[in-house]
Amino acid sequence: MRLNLAKIEVALLQSVKADPSVIGTILFAPGQTTAGFSADYRILSAVAEGRAEAEHKSARWKTFYPWLAAATGEDGENDVVGTEFGYGPGFLLDPGQVVAIAHGLMGEGWGVHHRSAGKGGRRL
């Protein structure tokens, strides 16, 4: 799984909904890659599968962690028809969905590591 995120203004969100080809420009504009970025597509899904196996005796992580599936576009709920970047379609989340997903991820326990690192004064 490869996940590229772009924080955009709500007005641009509406433009993307009207013209999905804008997604490619936003995500893959030349010179916009963040330093240290690498195409590690399997790590997040491998972690999720391993956790699901350990906690639920099944690697079907999307069933057990629906908020992670929503955050990574794996639930298909917010797909943008007509986009494909090699590992699935682009997807859009509005600000309200981002807030709901953030709370859901915390409920699923995905924020625990970051919280504990912050208490120790460490940055991840």
C-alpha atoms as a PDB file:
ATOM      1  CA  MET A   1       0.000   0.000   0.000  1.00  0.00           C
ATOM      2  CA  ARG A   2       1.290   3.442  -0.832  1.00  0.00           C
ATOM      3  CA  LEU A   3      -0.368   6.459   0.700  1.00  0.00           C
ATOM      4  CA  ASN A   4       0.341   9.990  -0.483  1.00  0.00           C
ATOM      5  CA  LEU A   5      -1.451  12.700   1.443  1.00  0.00           C
ATOM      6  CA  ALA A   6      -2.036  16.289   0.434  1.00  0.00           C
ATOM      7  CA  LYS A   7      -3.601  18.906   2.679  1.00  0.00           C
ATOM      8  CA  ILE A   8      -5.638  21.198   0.464  1.00  0.00           C
ATOM      9  CA  GLU A   9      -8.140  24.004   0.874  1.00  0.00           C
ATOM     10  CA  VAL A  10     -11.850  23.161   0.766  1.00  0.00           C
ATOM     11  CA  ALA A  11     -12.230  25.166  -2.471  1.00  0.00           C
ATOM     12  CA  LEU A  12      -9.619  22.979  -4.149  1.00  0.00           C
ATOM     13  CA  LEU A  13     -11.423  19.892  -2.838  1.00  0.00           C
ATOM     14  CA  GLN A  14     -14.463  20.986  -4.845  1.00  0.00           C
ATOM     15  CA  SER A  15     -12.273  21.464  -7.939  1.00  0.00           C
ATOM     16  CA  VAL A  16     -10.863  17.962  -7.564  1.00  0.00           C
ATOM     17  CA  LYS A  17     -14.363  16.531  -7.300  1.00  0.00           C
ATOM     18  CA  ALA A  18     -15.259  18.301 -10.545  1.00  0.00           C
ATOM     19  CA  ASP A  19     -12.012  17.328 -12.333  1.00  0.00           C
ATOM     20  CA  PRO A  20     -10.291  14.234 -10.850  1.00  0.00           C
ATOM     21  CA  SER A  21      -7.227  14.714 -13.069  1.00  0.00           C
ATOM     22  CA  VAL A  22      -6.185  17.489 -10.662  1.00  0.00           C
ATOM     23  CA  ILE A  23      -5.225  14.778  -8.121  1.00  0.00           C
ATOM     24  CA  GLY A  24      -2.212  13.740 -10.168  1.00  0.00           C
ATOM     25  CA  THR A  25      -1.018  17.335 -10.342  1.00  0.00           C
ATOM     26  CA  ILE A  26      -1.410  17.802  -6.590  1.00  0.00           C
ATOM     27  CA  LEU A  27       0.331  14.565  -5.607  1.00  0.00           C
ATOM     28  CA  PHE A  28       2.988  14.226  -8.260  1.00  0.00           C
ATOM     29  CA  ALA A  29       4.067  17.751  -9.253  1.00  0.00           C
ATOM     30  CA  PRO A  30       7.805  17.787 -10.078  1.00  0.00           C
ATOM     31  CA  GLY A  31       9.985  18.910  -7.183  1.00  0.00           C
ATOM     32  CA  GLN A  32       7.252  18.467  -4.585  1.00  0.00           C
ATOM     33  CA  THR A  33       8.489  15.214  -3.034  1.00  0.00           C
ATOM     34  CA  THR A  34       9.331  15.643   0.636  1.00  0.00           C
ATOM     35  CA  ALA A  35      12.911  14.903   1.669  1.00  0.00           C
ATOM     36  CA  GLY A  36      13.143  11.410   3.107  1.00  0.00           C
ATOM     37  CA  PHE A  37      10.124  10.126   1.194  1.00  0.00           C
ATOM     38  CA  SER A  38      10.435   6.542   0.063  1.00  0.00           C
ATOM     39  CA  ALA A  39       8.048   4.226  -1.704  1.00  0.00           C
ATOM     40  CA  ASP A  40       7.504   1.836   1.207  1.00  0.00           C
ATOM     41  CA  TYR A  41       4.125   0.584   0.104  1.00  0.00           C
ATOM     42  CA  ARG A  42       3.914  -2.586   2.167  1.00  0.00           C
ATOM     43  CA  ILE A  43       4.815  -1.375   5.628  1.00  0.00           C
ATOM     44  CA  LEU A  44       1.441  -0.007   6.782  1.00  0.00           C
ATOM     45  CA  SER A  45      -0.570  -2.946   5.474  1.00  0.00           C
ATOM     46  CA  ALA A  46       1.970  -5.400   6.915  1.00  0.00           C
ATOM     47  CA  VAL A  47       1.716  -3.743  10.338  1.00  0.00           C
ATOM     48  CA  ALA A  48      -2.084  -3.765  10.152  1.00  0.00           C
ATOM     49  CA  GLU A  49      -2.164  -7.427   9.079  1.00  0.00           C
ATOM     50  CA  GLY A  50       0.257  -8.423  11.825  1.00  0.00           C
ATOM     51  CA  ARG A  51      -1.706  -6.565  14.462  1.00  0.00           C
ATOM     52  CA  ALA A  52      -5.003  -8.079  13.288  1.00  0.00           C
ATOM     53  CA  GLU A  53      -3.447 -11.540  13.369  1.00  0.00           C
ATOM     54  CA  ALA A  54      -2.109 -11.009  16.899  1.00  0.00           C
ATOM     55  CA  GLU A  55      -5.276  -9.434  18.293  1.00  0.00           C
ATOM     56  CA  HIS A  56      -7.986 -11.213  16.301  1.00  0.00           C
ATOM     57  CA  LYS A  57      -6.335 -14.359  14.883  1.00  0.00           C
ATOM     58  CA  SER A  58      -7.064 -13.143  11.348  1.00  0.00           C
ATOM     59  CA  ALA A  59      -5.096 -10.978   8.935  1.00  0.00           C
ATOM     60  CA  ARG A  60      -8.302  -9.319   7.650  1.00  0.00           C
ATOM     61  CA  TRP A  61      -7.275  -5.956   9.074  1.00  0.00           C
ATOM     62  CA  LYS A  62      -9.849  -3.909   7.141  1.00  0.00           C
ATOM     63  CA  THR A  63     -12.607  -5.736   9.037  1.00  0.00           C
ATOM     64  CA  PHE A  64     -11.090  -5.117  12.466  1.00  0.00           C
ATOM     65  CA  TYR A  65      -9.755  -1.603  11.841  1.00  0.00           C
ATOM     66  CA  PRO A  66     -12.364   0.162   9.697  1.00  0.00           C
ATOM     67  CA  TRP A  67     -11.035   3.609  10.575  1.00  0.00           C
ATOM     68  CA  LEU A  68      -7.573   2.697   9.298  1.00  0.00           C
ATOM     69  CA  ALA A  69      -9.229   1.355   6.152  1.00  0.00           C
ATOM     70  CA  ALA A  70     -11.057   4.681   5.762  1.00  0.00           C
ATOM     71  CA  ALA A  71      -7.878   6.689   6.424  1.00  0.00           C
ATOM     72  CA  THR A  72      -5.987   4.797   3.725  1.00  0.00           C
ATOM     73  CA  GLY A  73      -8.790   4.658   1.169  1.00  0.00           C
ATOM     74  CA  GLU A  74      -9.063   0.896   1.506  1.00  0.00           C
ATOM     75  CA  ASP A  75     -12.784   1.008   2.289  1.00  0.00           C
ATOM     76  CA  GLY A  76     -13.622   2.433  -1.136  1.00  0.00           C
ATOM     77  CA  GLU A  77     -16.139   4.872   0.339  1.00  0.00           C
ATOM     78  CA  ASN A  78     -14.483   8.043  -0.947  1.00  0.00           C
ATOM     79  CA  ASP A  79     -12.918   6.847  -4.196  1.00  0.00           C
ATOM     80  CA  VAL A  80     -12.640   9.311  -7.054  1.00  0.00           C
ATOM     81  CA  VAL A  81     -13.930   7.570 -10.163  1.00  0.00           C
ATOM     82  CA  GLY A  82     -11.498   7.735 -13.051  1.00  0.00           C
ATOM     83  CA  THR A  83      -8.304   7.921 -11.000  1.00  0.00           C
ATOM     84  CA  GLU A  84      -5.768   5.128 -10.712  1.00  0.00           C
ATOM     85  CA  PHE A  85      -2.219   5.478  -9.477  1.00  0.00           C
ATOM     86  CA  GLY A  86      -1.039   1.873  -9.612  1.00  0.00           C
ATOM     87  CA  TYR A  87      -2.259   0.737  -6.200  1.00  0.00           C
ATOM     88  CA  GLY A  88      -5.850   1.852  -6.305  1.00  0.00           C
ATOM     89  CA  PRO A  89      -7.887   4.953  -6.977  1.00  0.00           C
ATOM     90  CA  GLY A  90      -7.407   8.356  -5.464  1.00  0.00           C
ATOM     91  CA  PHE A  91      -9.808   9.261  -2.683  1.00  0.00           C
ATOM     92  CA  LEU A  92     -10.958  12.476  -1.043  1.00  0.00           C
ATOM     93  CA  LEU A  93     -11.810  13.291   2.554  1.00  0.00           C
ATOM     94  CA  ASP A  94     -13.461  16.542   3.577  1.00  0.00           C
ATOM     95  CA  PRO A  95     -12.464  18.267   6.848  1.00  0.00           C
ATOM     96  CA  GLY A  96     -15.314  16.646   8.801  1.00  0.00           C
ATOM     97  CA  GLN A  97     -14.292  13.196   7.613  1.00  0.00           C
ATOM     98  CA  VAL A  98     -10.668  13.864   8.572  1.00  0.00           C
ATOM     99  CA  VAL A  99     -11.726  14.761  12.122  1.00  0.00           C
ATOM    100  CA  ALA A 100     -13.982  11.694  12.419  1.00  0.00           C
ATOM    101  CA  ILE A 101     -11.255   9.408  11.076  1.00  0.00           C
ATOM    102  CA  ALA A 102      -8.650  10.902  13.432  1.00  0.00           C
ATOM    103  CA  HIS A 103     -10.904  10.156  16.400  1.00  0.00           C
ATOM    104  CA  GLY A 104     -11.646   6.694  15.016  1.00  0.00           C
ATOM    105  CA  LEU A 105      -7.943   5.923  14.602  1.00  0.00           C
ATOM    106  CA  MET A 106      -7.331   6.867  18.224  1.00  0.00           C
ATOM    107  CA  GLY A 107     -10.198   4.581  19.241  1.00  0.00           C
ATOM    108  CA  GLU A 108      -8.585   1.730  17.315  1.00  0.00           C
ATOM    109  CA  GLY A 109      -5.338   2.364  19.177  1.00  0.00           C
ATOM    110  CA  TRP A 110      -3.278   3.750  16.304  1.00  0.00           C
ATOM    111  CA  GLY A 111      -2.283   6.908  18.186  1.00  0.00           C
ATOM    112  CA  VAL A 112      -0.963   5.248  21.349  1.00  0.00           C
ATOM    113  CA  HIS A 113       2.660   5.055  20.186  1.00  0.00           C
ATOM    114  CA  HIS A 114       2.713   8.708  19.179  1.00  0.00           C
ATOM    115  CA  ARG A 115       1.120   9.794  22.439  1.00  0.00           C
ATOM    116  CA  SER A 116       3.695   7.922  24.538  1.00  0.00           C
ATOM    117  CA  ALA A 117       6.581   9.297  22.464  1.00  0.00           C
ATOM    118  CA  GLY A 118       5.278  12.827  22.989  1.00  0.00           C
ATOM    119  CA  LYS A 119       5.142  12.393  26.756  1.00  0.00           C
ATOM    120  CA  GLY A 120       8.818  11.500  26.755  1.00  0.00           C
ATOM    121  CA  GLY A 121       9.674  14.607  24.774  1.00  0.00           C
ATOM    122  CA  ARG A 122      10.634  12.532  21.742  1.00  0.00           C
ATOM    123  CA  ARG A 123       9.591  13.282  18.193  1.00  0.00           C
ATOM    124  CA  LEU A 124       8.648  10.607  15.721  1.00  0.00           C
END
